[in-house]
Amino acid sequence: MSGSEVARLRQRIQEEYVAAQRALHAPAMVAKHEFITRRMENMQQAHAQLQILVGPDEAIKLVAETLENTQIQISP
């Protein structure tokens, strides 16, 4: 298992999650459904790659931990 590859995928999941959340909740932004859907699809692809690297059980734990530790700041 490549630790740096796992870290890269976790970072990608975090970035996609933040982008989708900002698009959904930012007051000045009107996000298209397709934009948010694409962010979620990108997260799923990164999750699938994590499954290959660390197995399905560990992959879902890493995704859950990543999202749980992600702080999203949306400016008014």
Foldseek 3Di string as FASTA:
>chain_A
DDPVLLVVLLVLLLVLVLVLVQQVDAPVHPDDPVSNVVSVVSNVVSLVVVCVVPNNVVSVVSNVVSVVPRDHDHDD
